[in-house]
PDB file of N, CA and C in Angstrom:
ATOM      1  N   UNK A   1     162.424   0.821-259.747  1.00  0.00           N
ATOM      2  CA  UNK A   1     163.291   0.130-260.666  1.00  0.00           C
ATOM      3  C   UNK A   1     164.188  -0.814-259.867  1.00  0.00           C
ATOM      4  N   UNK A   2     164.266  -2.058-260.303  1.00  0.00           N
ATOM      5  CA  UNK A   2     165.096  -3.051-259.651  1.00  0.00           C
ATOM      6  C   UNK A   2     166.160  -3.485-260.643  1.00  0.00           C
ATOM      7  N   UNK A   3     167.407  -3.535-260.207  1.00  0.00           N
ATOM      8  CA  UNK A   3     168.483  -3.940-261.097  1.00  0.00           C
ATOM      9  C   UNK A   3     169.500  -4.785-260.370  1.00  0.00           C
ATOM     10  N   UNK A   4     170.374  -5.385-261.145  1.00  0.00           N
ATOM     11  CA  UNK A   4     171.439  -6.201-260.577  1.00  0.00           C
ATOM     12  C   UNK A   4     172.631  -6.165-261.506  1.00  0.00           C
ATOM     13  N   UNK A   5     173.763  -6.451-260.987  1.00  0.00           N
ATOM     14  CA  UNK A   5     174.970  -6.561-261.800  1.00  0.00           C
ATOM     15  C   UNK A   5     175.478  -7.981-261.635  1.00  0.00           C
ATOM     16  N   UNK A   6     175.743  -8.652-262.744  1.00  0.00           N
ATOM     17  CA  UNK A   6     176.210 -10.028-262.726  1.00  0.00           C
ATOM     18  C   UNK A   6     177.652 -10.044-263.182  1.00  0.00           C
ATOM     19  N   UNK A   7     178.524 -10.584-262.344  1.00  0.00           N
ATOM     20  CA  UNK A   7     179.926 -10.742-262.699  1.00  0.00           C
ATOM     21  C   UNK A   7     180.165 -12.202-263.040  1.00  0.00           C
ATOM     22  N   UNK A   8     180.650 -12.438-264.226  1.00  0.00           N
ATOM     23  CA  UNK A   8     180.933 -13.814-264.634  1.00  0.00           C
ATOM     24  C   UNK A   8     182.344 -14.182-264.200  1.00  0.00           C
ATOM     25  N   UNK A   9     182.488 -15.379-263.661  1.00  0.00           N
ATOM     26  CA  UNK A   9     183.805 -15.847-263.238  1.00  0.00           C
ATOM     27  C   UNK A   9     184.621 -16.246-264.454  1.00  0.00           C
ATOM     28  N   UNK A  10     185.889 -15.925-264.447  1.00  0.00           N
ATOM     29  CA  UNK A  10     186.764 -16.258-265.558  1.00  0.00           C
ATOM     30  C   UNK A  10     187.122 -17.741-265.553  1.00  0.00           C
ATOM     31  N   UNK A  11     187.236 -18.340-264.394  1.00  0.00           N
ATOM     32  CA  UNK A  11     187.631 -19.746-264.289  1.00  0.00           C
ATOM     33  C   UNK A  11     186.449 -20.660-264.560  1.00  0.00           C
ATOM     34  N   UNK A  12     186.662 -21.615-265.462  1.00  0.00           N
ATOM     35  CA  UNK A  12     185.583 -22.536-265.822  1.00  0.00           C
ATOM     36  C   UNK A  12     185.069 -23.376-264.662  1.00  0.00           C
ATOM     37  N   UNK A  13     185.942 -23.749-263.730  1.00  0.00           N
ATOM     38  CA  UNK A  13     185.552 -24.561-262.594  1.00  0.00           C
ATOM     39  C   UNK A  13     184.616 -23.854-261.640  1.00  0.00           C
ATOM     40  N   UNK A  14     184.574 -22.544-261.716  1.00  0.00           N
ATOM     41  CA  UNK A  14     183.720 -21.771-260.825  1.00  0.00           C
ATOM     42  C   UNK A  14     182.349 -21.478-261.430  1.00  0.00           C
ATOM     43  N   UNK A  15     182.129 -21.950-262.639  1.00  0.00           N
ATOM     44  CA  UNK A  15     180.874 -21.631-263.331  1.00  0.00           C
ATOM     45  C   UNK A  15     179.645 -22.093-262.544  1.00  0.00           C
ATOM     46  N   UNK A  16     179.699 -23.302-262.033  1.00  0.00           N
ATOM     47  CA  UNK A  16     178.558 -23.820-261.270  1.00  0.00           C
ATOM     48  C   UNK A  16     178.295 -22.945-260.045  1.00  0.00           C
ATOM     49  N   UNK A  17     179.359 -22.565-259.357  1.00  0.00           N
ATOM     50  CA  UNK A  17     179.209 -21.716-258.179  1.00  0.00           C
ATOM     51  C   UNK A  17     178.598 -20.374-258.556  1.00  0.00           C
ATOM     52  N   UNK A  18     178.966 -19.854-259.716  1.00  0.00           N
ATOM     53  CA  UNK A  18     178.422 -18.565-260.153  1.00  0.00           C
ATOM     54  C   UNK A  18     176.909 -18.678-260.345  1.00  0.00           C
ATOM     55  N   UNK A  19     176.446 -19.771-260.951  1.00  0.00           N
ATOM     56  CA  UNK A  19     175.003 -19.938-261.170  1.00  0.00           C
ATOM     57  C   UNK A  19     174.288 -20.199-259.850  1.00  0.00           C
ATOM     58  N   UNK A  20     174.937 -20.935-258.936  1.00  0.00           N
ATOM     59  CA  UNK A  20     174.344 -21.136-257.606  1.00  0.00           C
ATOM     60  C   UNK A  20     174.159 -19.796-256.899  1.00  0.00           C
ATOM     61  N   UNK A  21     175.174 -18.936-257.007  1.00  0.00           N
ATOM     62  CA  UNK A  21     175.074 -17.608-256.385  1.00  0.00           C
ATOM     63  C   UNK A  21     173.989 -16.777-257.050  1.00  0.00           C
ATOM     64  N   UNK A  22     173.826 -16.941-258.348  1.00  0.00           N
ATOM     65  CA  UNK A  22     172.771 -16.187-259.042  1.00  0.00           C
ATOM     66  C   UNK A  22     171.393 -16.641-258.552  1.00  0.00           C
ATOM     67  N   UNK A  23     171.218 -17.937-258.338  1.00  0.00           N
ATOM     68  CA  UNK A  23     169.948 -18.447-257.810  1.00  0.00           C
ATOM     69  C   UNK A  23     169.639 -17.777-256.476  1.00  0.00           C
ATOM     70  N   UNK A  24     170.625 -17.736-255.597  1.00  0.00           N
ATOM     71  CA  UNK A  24     170.433 -17.131-254.283  1.00  0.00           C
ATOM     72  C   UNK A  24     170.128 -15.642-254.421  1.00  0.00           C
ATOM     73  N   UNK A  25     170.895 -14.958-255.253  1.00  0.00           N
ATOM     74  CA  UNK A  25     170.717 -13.515-255.408  1.00  0.00           C
ATOM     75  C   UNK A  25     169.372 -13.132-255.999  1.00  0.00           C
ATOM     76  N   UNK A  26     168.974 -13.806-257.062  1.00  0.00           N
ATOM     77  CA  UNK A  26     167.691 -13.494-257.702  1.00  0.00           C
ATOM     78  C   UNK A  26     166.536 -13.839-256.771  1.00  0.00           C
ATOM     79  N   UNK A  27     166.651 -14.949-256.064  1.00  0.00           N
ATOM     80  CA  UNK A  27     165.603 -15.322-255.101  1.00  0.00           C
ATOM     81  C   UNK A  27     165.446 -14.255-254.027  1.00  0.00           C
ATOM     82  N   UNK A  28     166.563 -13.753-253.530  1.00  0.00           N
ATOM     83  CA  UNK A  28     166.512 -12.702-252.504  1.00  0.00           C
ATOM     84  C   UNK A  28     165.874 -11.425-253.045  1.00  0.00           C
ATOM     85  N   UNK A  29     166.234 -11.060-254.263  1.00  0.00           N
ATOM     86  CA  UNK A  29     165.655  -9.851-254.866  1.00  0.00           C
ATOM     87  C   UNK A  29     164.153 -10.012-255.027  1.00  0.00           C
ATOM     88  N   UNK A  30     163.716 -11.176-255.498  1.00  0.00           N
ATOM     89  CA  UNK A  30     162.272 -11.418-255.663  1.00  0.00           C
ATOM     90  C   UNK A  30     161.537 -11.341-254.327  1.00  0.00           C
ATOM     91  N   UNK A  31     162.155 -11.845-253.271  1.00  0.00           N
ATOM     92  CA  UNK A  31     161.527 -11.790-251.951  1.00  0.00           C
ATOM     93  C   UNK A  31     161.548 -10.380-251.375  1.00  0.00           C
ATOM     94  N   UNK A  32     162.699  -9.742-251.440  1.00  0.00           N
ATOM     95  CA  UNK A  32     162.860  -8.420-250.832  1.00  0.00           C
ATOM     96  C   UNK A  32     161.977  -7.360-251.494  1.00  0.00           C
ATOM     97  N   UNK A  33     161.798  -7.466-252.786  1.00  0.00           N
ATOM     98  CA  UNK A  33     161.034  -6.456-253.526  1.00  0.00           C
ATOM     99  C   UNK A  33     159.706  -7.021-254.046  1.00  0.00           C
ATOM    100  N   UNK A  34     159.103  -7.902-253.268  1.00  0.00           N
ATOM    101  CA  UNK A  34     157.863  -8.564-253.686  1.00  0.00           C
ATOM    102  C   UNK A  34     156.775  -7.562-254.056  1.00  0.00           C
ATOM    103  N   UNK A  35     156.675  -6.463-253.286  1.00  0.00           N
ATOM    104  CA  UNK A  35     155.622  -5.482-253.577  1.00  0.00           C
ATOM    105  C   UNK A  35     155.842  -4.813-254.936  1.00  0.00           C
ATOM    106  N   UNK A  36     157.080  -4.613-255.330  1.00  0.00           N
ATOM    107  CA  UNK A  36     157.377  -4.037-256.653  1.00  0.00           C
ATOM    108  C   UNK A  36     156.973  -5.020-257.737  1.00  0.00           C
ATOM    109  N   UNK A  37     157.333  -6.280-257.553  1.00  0.00           N
ATOM    110  CA  UNK A  37     157.012  -7.301-258.542  1.00  0.00           C
ATOM    111  C   UNK A  37     155.515  -7.582-258.611  1.00  0.00           C
ATOM    112  N   UNK A  38     154.815  -7.417-257.494  1.00  0.00           N
ATOM    113  CA  UNK A  38     153.357  -7.590-257.504  1.00  0.00           C
ATOM    114  C   UNK A  38     152.682  -6.529-258.369  1.00  0.00           C
ATOM    115  N   UNK A  39     153.252  -5.322-258.369  1.00  0.00           N
ATOM    116  CA  UNK A  39     152.685  -4.231-259.180  1.00  0.00           C
ATOM    117  C   UNK A  39     153.070  -4.324-260.653  1.00  0.00           C
ATOM    118  N   UNK A  40     154.114  -5.094-260.960  1.00  0.00           N
ATOM    119  CA  UNK A  40     154.606  -5.184-262.329  1.00  0.00           C
ATOM    120  C   UNK A  40     154.820  -6.650-262.727  1.00  0.00           C
ATOM    121  N   UNK A  41     153.754  -7.314-263.179  1.00  0.00           N
ATOM    122  CA  UNK A  41     153.873  -8.731-263.541  1.00  0.00           C
ATOM    123  C   UNK A  41     154.885  -8.980-264.665  1.00  0.00           C
ATOM    124  N   UNK A  42     155.006  -8.037-265.591  1.00  0.00           N
ATOM    125  CA  UNK A  42     155.969  -8.210-266.672  1.00  0.00           C
ATOM    126  C   UNK A  42     157.389  -8.260-266.150  1.00  0.00           C
ATOM    127  N   UNK A  43     157.696  -7.385-265.209  1.00  0.00           N
ATOM    128  CA  UNK A  43     159.018  -7.362-264.589  1.00  0.00           C
ATOM    129  C   UNK A  43     159.253  -8.637-263.787  1.00  0.00           C
ATOM    130  N   UNK A  44     158.222  -9.063-263.077  1.00  0.00           N
ATOM    131  CA  UNK A  44     158.320 -10.313-262.315  1.00  0.00           C
ATOM    132  C   UNK A  44     158.617 -11.485-263.250  1.00  0.00           C
ATOM    133  N   UNK A  45     157.971 -11.504-264.395  1.00  0.00           N
ATOM    134  CA  UNK A  45     158.187 -12.584-265.363  1.00  0.00           C
ATOM    135  C   UNK A  45     159.637 -12.618-265.842  1.00  0.00           C
ATOM    136  N   UNK A  46     160.212 -11.449-266.097  1.00  0.00           N
ATOM    137  CA  UNK A  46     161.604 -11.378-266.553  1.00  0.00           C
ATOM    138  C   UNK A  46     162.546 -11.947-265.495  1.00  0.00           C
ATOM    139  N   UNK A  47     162.341 -11.558-264.239  1.00  0.00           N
ATOM    140  CA  UNK A  47     163.212 -12.029-263.158  1.00  0.00           C
ATOM    141  C   UNK A  47     163.013 -13.522-262.889  1.00  0.00           C
ATOM    142  N   UNK A  48     161.774 -13.995-262.963  1.00  0.00           N
ATOM    143  CA  UNK A  48     161.528 -15.425-262.760  1.00  0.00           C
ATOM    144  C   UNK A  48     162.135 -16.245-263.893  1.00  0.00           C
ATOM    145  N   UNK A  49     162.116 -15.708-265.103  1.00  0.00           N
ATOM    146  CA  UNK A  49     162.744 -16.381-266.239  1.00  0.00           C
ATOM    147  C   UNK A  49     164.252 -16.500-265.988  1.00  0.00           C
ATOM    148  N   UNK A  50     164.858 -15.432-265.496  1.00  0.00           N
ATOM    149  CA  UNK A  50     166.286 -15.475-265.154  1.00  0.00           C
ATOM    150  C   UNK A  50     166.576 -16.482-264.054  1.00  0.00           C
ATOM    151  N   UNK A  51     165.689 -16.546-263.078  1.00  0.00           N
ATOM    152  CA  UNK A  51     165.834 -17.527-262.002  1.00  0.00           C
ATOM    153  C   UNK A  51     165.733 -18.944-262.567  1.00  0.00           C
ATOM    154  N   UNK A  52     164.779 -19.160-263.450  1.00  0.00           N
ATOM    155  CA  UNK A  52     164.627 -20.470-264.086  1.00  0.00           C
ATOM    156  C   UNK A  52     165.874 -20.880-264.850  1.00  0.00           C
ATOM    157  N   UNK A  53     166.466 -19.927-265.580  1.00  0.00           N
ATOM    158  CA  UNK A  53     167.687 -20.242-266.317  1.00  0.00           C
ATOM    159  C   UNK A  53     168.831 -20.576-265.361  1.00  0.00           C
ATOM    160  N   UNK A  54     168.923 -19.854-264.258  1.00  0.00           N
ATOM    161  CA  UNK A  54     169.974 -20.143-263.279  1.00  0.00           C
ATOM    162  C   UNK A  54     169.773 -21.540-262.683  1.00  0.00           C
ATOM    163  N   UNK A  55     168.529 -21.879-262.357  1.00  0.00           N
ATOM    164  CA  UNK A  55     168.249 -23.234-261.866  1.00  0.00           C
ATOM    165  C   UNK A  55     168.646 -24.268-262.913  1.00  0.00           C
ATOM    166  N   UNK A  56     168.314 -24.002-264.155  1.00  0.00           N
ATOM    167  CA  UNK A  56     168.623 -24.936-265.232  1.00  0.00           C
ATOM    168  C   UNK A  56     170.128 -25.136-265.360  1.00  0.00           C
ATOM    169  N   UNK A  57     170.889 -24.061-265.235  1.00  0.00           N
ATOM    170  CA  UNK A  57     172.350 -24.144-265.350  1.00  0.00           C
ATOM    171  C   UNK A  57     172.974 -24.927-264.205  1.00  0.00           C
ATOM    172  N   UNK A  58     172.273 -25.030-263.090  1.00  0.00           N
ATOM    173  CA  UNK A  58     172.799 -25.811-261.965  1.00  0.00           C
ATOM    174  C   UNK A  58     172.259 -27.236-261.975  1.00  0.00           C
ATOM    175  N   UNK A  59     171.477 -27.575-262.999  1.00  0.00           N
ATOM    176  CA  UNK A  59     170.945 -28.928-263.123  1.00  0.00           C
ATOM    177  C   UNK A  59     169.684 -29.178-262.316  1.00  0.00           C
ATOM    178  N   UNK A  60     169.074 -28.129-261.803  1.00  0.00           N
ATOM    179  CA  UNK A  60     167.864 -28.269-260.969  1.00  0.00           C
ATOM    180  C   UNK A  60     166.627 -28.032-261.836  1.00  0.00           C
ATOM    181  N   UNK A  61     166.324 -29.014-262.677  1.00  0.00           N
ATOM    182  CA  UNK A  61     165.265 -28.875-263.682  1.00  0.00           C
ATOM    183  C   UNK A  61     163.873 -28.681-263.086  1.00  0.00           C
ATOM    184  N   UNK A  62     163.556 -29.385-262.016  1.00  0.00           N
ATOM    185  CA  UNK A  62     162.217 -29.256-261.420  1.00  0.00           C
ATOM    186  C   UNK A  62     161.982 -27.824-260.943  1.00  0.00           C
ATOM    187  N   UNK A  63     162.988 -27.241-260.287  1.00  0.00           N
ATOM    188  CA  UNK A  63     162.845 -25.863-259.820  1.00  0.00           C
ATOM    189  C   UNK A  63     162.815 -24.898-261.001  1.00  0.00           C
ATOM    190  N   UNK A  64     163.581 -25.213-262.049  1.00  0.00           N
ATOM    191  CA  UNK A  64     163.576 -24.373-263.252  1.00  0.00           C
ATOM    192  C   UNK A  64     162.185 -24.378-263.881  1.00  0.00           C
ATOM    193  N   UNK A  65     161.595 -25.561-264.014  1.00  0.00           N
ATOM    194  CA  UNK A  65     160.252 -25.644-264.605  1.00  0.00           C
ATOM    195  C   UNK A  65     159.238 -24.871-263.770  1.00  0.00           C
ATOM    196  N   UNK A  66     159.359 -24.964-262.459  1.00  0.00           N
ATOM    197  CA  UNK A  66     158.443 -24.238-261.568  1.00  0.00           C
ATOM    198  C   UNK A  66     158.592 -22.726-261.773  1.00  0.00           C
ATOM    199  N   UNK A  67     159.830 -22.233-261.872  1.00  0.00           N
ATOM    200  CA  UNK A  67     160.071 -20.799-262.082  1.00  0.00           C
ATOM    201  C   UNK A  67     159.553 -20.361-263.449  1.00  0.00           C
ATOM    202  N   UNK A  68     159.778 -21.181-264.480  1.00  0.00           N
ATOM    203  CA  UNK A  68     159.286 -20.837-265.821  1.00  0.00           C
ATOM    204  C   UNK A  68     157.754 -20.806-265.857  1.00  0.00           C
ATOM    205  N   UNK A  69     157.115 -21.767-265.182  1.00  0.00           N
ATOM    206  CA  UNK A  69     155.641 -21.772-265.143  1.00  0.00           C
ATOM    207  C   UNK A  69     155.103 -20.523-264.455  1.00  0.00           C
ATOM    208  N   UNK A  70     155.734 -20.152-263.356  1.00  0.00           N
ATOM    209  CA  UNK A  70     155.314 -18.955-262.630  1.00  0.00           C
ATOM    210  C   UNK A  70     155.543 -17.702-263.478  1.00  0.00           C
ATOM    211  N   UNK A  71     156.658 -17.666-264.180  1.00  0.00           N
ATOM    212  CA  UNK A  71     156.949 -16.528-265.068  1.00  0.00           C
ATOM    213  C   UNK A  71     155.929 -16.455-266.197  1.00  0.00           C
ATOM    214  N   UNK A  72     155.586 -17.607-266.750  1.00  0.00           N
ATOM    215  CA  UNK A  72     154.619 -17.649-267.844  1.00  0.00           C
ATOM    216  C   UNK A  72     153.239 -17.209-267.382  1.00  0.00           C
ATOM    217  N   UNK A  73     152.865 -17.558-266.157  1.00  0.00           N
ATOM    218  CA  UNK A  73     151.561 -17.111-265.656  1.00  0.00           C
ATOM    219  C   UNK A  73     151.573 -15.613-265.378  1.00  0.00           C
ATOM    220  N   UNK A  74     152.744 -15.049-265.041  1.00  0.00           N
ATOM    221  CA  UNK A  74     152.844 -13.607-264.812  1.00  0.00           C
ATOM    222  C   UNK A  74     152.785 -12.835-266.132  1.00  0.00           C
ATOM    223  N   UNK A  75     153.331 -13.431-267.197  1.00  0.00           N
ATOM    224  CA  UNK A  75     153.322 -12.773-268.507  1.00  0.00           C
ATOM    225  C   UNK A  75     153.207 -13.824-269.604  1.00  0.00           C
ATOM    226  N   UNK A  76     151.980 -14.265-269.924  1.00  0.00           N
ATOM    227  CA  UNK A  76     151.787 -15.332-270.912  1.00  0.00           C
ATOM    228  C   UNK A  76     152.179 -14.944-272.336  1.00  0.00           C
ATOM    229  N   UNK A  77     152.371 -13.665-272.585  1.00  0.00           N
ATOM    230  CA  UNK A  77     152.697 -13.218-273.950  1.00  0.00           C
ATOM    231  C   UNK A  77     154.188 -13.263-274.252  1.00  0.00           C
ATOM    232  N   UNK A  78     154.994 -13.562-273.288  1.00  0.00           N
ATOM    233  CA  UNK A  78     156.447 -13.589-273.494  1.00  0.00           C
ATOM    234  C   UNK A  78     156.852 -14.983-273.964  1.00  0.00           C
ATOM    235  N   UNK A  79     156.945 -15.162-275.278  1.00  0.00           N
ATOM    236  CA  UNK A  79     157.209 -16.459-275.898  1.00  0.00           C
ATOM    237  C   UNK A  79     158.518 -17.095-275.484  1.00  0.00           C
ATOM    238  N   UNK A  80     159.487 -16.280-275.154  1.00  0.00           N
ATOM    239  CA  UNK A  80     160.797 -16.795-274.746  1.00  0.00           C
ATOM    240  C   UNK A  80     160.673 -17.687-273.511  1.00  0.00           C
ATOM    241  N   UNK A  81     159.800 -17.323-272.592  1.00  0.00           N
ATOM    242  CA  UNK A  81     159.612 -18.115-271.377  1.00  0.00           C
ATOM    243  C   UNK A  81     159.050 -19.489-271.725  1.00  0.00           C
ATOM    244  N   UNK A  82     158.102 -19.520-272.645  1.00  0.00           N
ATOM    245  CA  UNK A  82     157.527 -20.800-273.076  1.00  0.00           C
ATOM    246  C   UNK A  82     158.607 -21.676-273.707  1.00  0.00           C
ATOM    247  N   UNK A  83     159.472 -21.087-274.510  1.00  0.00           N
ATOM    248  CA  UNK A  83     160.575 -21.836-275.124  1.00  0.00           C
ATOM    249  C   UNK A  83     161.488 -22.419-274.043  1.00  0.00           C
ATOM    250  N   UNK A  84     161.767 -21.640-273.003  1.00  0.00           N
ATOM    251  CA  UNK A  84     162.610 -22.118-271.905  1.00  0.00           C
ATOM    252  C   UNK A  84     161.926 -23.262-271.151  1.00  0.00           C
ATOM    253  N   UNK A  85     160.618 -23.125-270.905  1.00  0.00           N
ATOM    254  CA  UNK A  85     159.872 -24.180-270.208  1.00  0.00           C
ATOM    255  C   UNK A  85     159.869 -25.476-271.018  1.00  0.00           C
ATOM    256  N   UNK A  86     159.637 -25.372-272.306  1.00  0.00           N
ATOM    257  CA  UNK A  86     159.625 -26.564-273.170  1.00  0.00           C
ATOM    258  C   UNK A  86     161.000 -27.229-273.169  1.00  0.00           C
ATOM    259  N   UNK A  87     162.055 -26.434-273.275  1.00  0.00           N
ATOM    260  CA  UNK A  87     163.407 -26.994-273.286  1.00  0.00           C
ATOM    261  C   UNK A  87     163.717 -27.698-271.964  1.00  0.00           C
ATOM    262  N   UNK A  88     163.314 -27.107-270.847  1.00  0.00           N
ATOM    263  CA  UNK A  88     163.567 -27.713-269.538  1.00  0.00           C
ATOM    264  C   UNK A  88     162.748 -28.985-269.353  1.00  0.00           C
ATOM    265  N   UNK A  89     161.555 -29.006-269.895  1.00  0.00           N
ATOM    266  CA  UNK A  89     160.662 -30.163-269.754  1.00  0.00           C
ATOM    267  C   UNK A  89     161.097 -31.321-270.636  1.00  0.00           C
ATOM    268  N   UNK A  90     161.550 -31.019-271.844  1.00  0.00           N
ATOM    269  CA  UNK A  90     161.911 -32.070-272.806  1.00  0.00           C
ATOM    270  C   UNK A  90     163.393 -32.407-272.789  1.00  0.00           C
ATOM    271  N   UNK A  91     164.138 -31.782-271.856  1.00  0.00           N
ATOM    272  CA  UNK A  91     165.585 -32.000-271.734  1.00  0.00           C
ATOM    273  C   UNK A  91     166.322 -31.652-273.025  1.00  0.00           C
ATOM    274  N   UNK A  92     165.890 -30.591-273.684  1.00  0.00           N
ATOM    275  CA  UNK A  92     166.554 -30.108-274.892  1.00  0.00           C
ATOM    276  C   UNK A  92     167.170 -28.740-274.632  1.00  0.00           C
ATOM    277  N   UNK A  93     167.764 -28.582-273.449  1.00  0.00           N
ATOM    278  CA  UNK A  93     168.337 -27.298-273.061  1.00  0.00           C
ATOM    279  C   UNK A  93     169.447 -26.849-273.982  1.00  0.00           C
ATOM    280  N   UNK A  94     170.044 -27.777-274.710  1.00  0.00           N
ATOM    281  CA  UNK A  94     171.159 -27.410-275.581  1.00  0.00           C
ATOM    282  C   UNK A  94     170.743 -26.384-276.628  1.00  0.00           C
ATOM    283  N   UNK A  95     169.457 -26.331-276.973  1.00  0.00           N
ATOM    284  CA  UNK A  95     169.013 -25.333-277.952  1.00  0.00           C
ATOM    285  C   UNK A  95     169.087 -23.920-277.382  1.00  0.00           C
ATOM    286  N   UNK A  96     169.200 -23.805-276.069  1.00  0.00           N
ATOM    287  CA  UNK A  96     169.280 -22.497-275.425  1.00  0.00           C
ATOM    288  C   UNK A  96     170.718 -22.027-275.263  1.00  0.00           C
ATOM    289  N   UNK A  97     171.685 -22.911-275.522  1.00  0.00           N
ATOM    290  CA  UNK A  97     173.094 -22.599-275.287  1.00  0.00           C
ATOM    291  C   UNK A  97     173.711 -21.922-276.505  1.00  0.00           C
ATOM    292  N   UNK A  98     174.594 -20.985-276.225  1.00  0.00           N
ATOM    293  CA  UNK A  98     175.254 -20.234-277.303  1.00  0.00           C
ATOM    294  C   UNK A  98     176.553 -20.878-277.761  1.00  0.00           C
ATOM    295  N   UNK A  99     177.221 -21.596-276.893  1.00  0.00           N
ATOM    296  CA  UNK A  99     178.516 -22.187-277.240  1.00  0.00           C
ATOM    297  C   UNK A  99     178.892 -23.284-276.280  1.00  0.00           C
ATOM    298  N   UNK A 100     180.086 -23.828-276.452  1.00  0.00           N
ATOM    299  CA  UNK A 100     180.542 -24.939-275.599  1.00  0.00           C
ATOM    300  C   UNK A 100     180.599 -24.563-274.131  1.00  0.00           C
ATOM    301  N   UNK A 101     181.022 -23.357-273.841  1.00  0.00           N
ATOM    302  CA  UNK A 101     181.154 -22.933-272.439  1.00  0.00           C
ATOM    303  C   UNK A 101     179.792 -22.672-271.807  1.00  0.00           C
ATOM    304  N   UNK A 102     178.765 -22.707-272.599  1.00  0.00           N
ATOM    305  CA  UNK A 102     177.428 -22.352-272.158  1.00  0.00           C
ATOM    306  C   UNK A 102     176.546 -23.587-272.001  1.00  0.00           C
ATOM    307  N   UNK A 103     177.105 -24.683-271.534  1.00  0.00           N
ATOM    308  CA  UNK A 103     176.381 -25.955-271.433  1.00  0.00           C
ATOM    309  C   UNK A 103     175.576 -26.070-270.147  1.00  0.00           C
ATOM    310  N   UNK A 104     174.518 -26.860-270.238  1.00  0.00           N
ATOM    311  CA  UNK A 104     173.664 -27.151-269.090  1.00  0.00           C
ATOM    312  C   UNK A 104     174.033 -28.535-268.583  1.00  0.00           C
ATOM    313  N   UNK A 105     174.196 -28.718-267.273  1.00  0.00           N
ATOM    314  CA  UNK A 105     174.567 -30.049-266.754  1.00  0.00           C
ATOM    315  C   UNK A 105     173.491 -31.084-267.039  1.00  0.00           C
ATOM    316  N   UNK A 106     173.923 -32.322-267.273  1.00  0.00           N
ATOM    317  CA  UNK A 106     172.938 -33.388-267.551  1.00  0.00           C
ATOM    318  C   UNK A 106     172.447 -34.035-266.291  1.00  0.00           C
TER     319      UNK A 106
END
């Protein structure tokens, strides 16, 4: 079982840094526990989807699309990943946001 705890920063100015740190953290987890993720493609897809969202929040769309594609190939039945890939590709990320504080950089 692989898990993580995410602490959200209270200050709005630190939001970008929080997503940058999430990119680093999730990438490290995927690398460190590669053998676990190799045995569980569904779990790998979930983590890659999270990585894609973190990339998207930092404005790194190309890397986000790459992570979403990899997640989709690991678990093609997870429709949410396809929705994320389409939003990142068509620059309609706003449909993924819950509120004003949840914006994706342009």
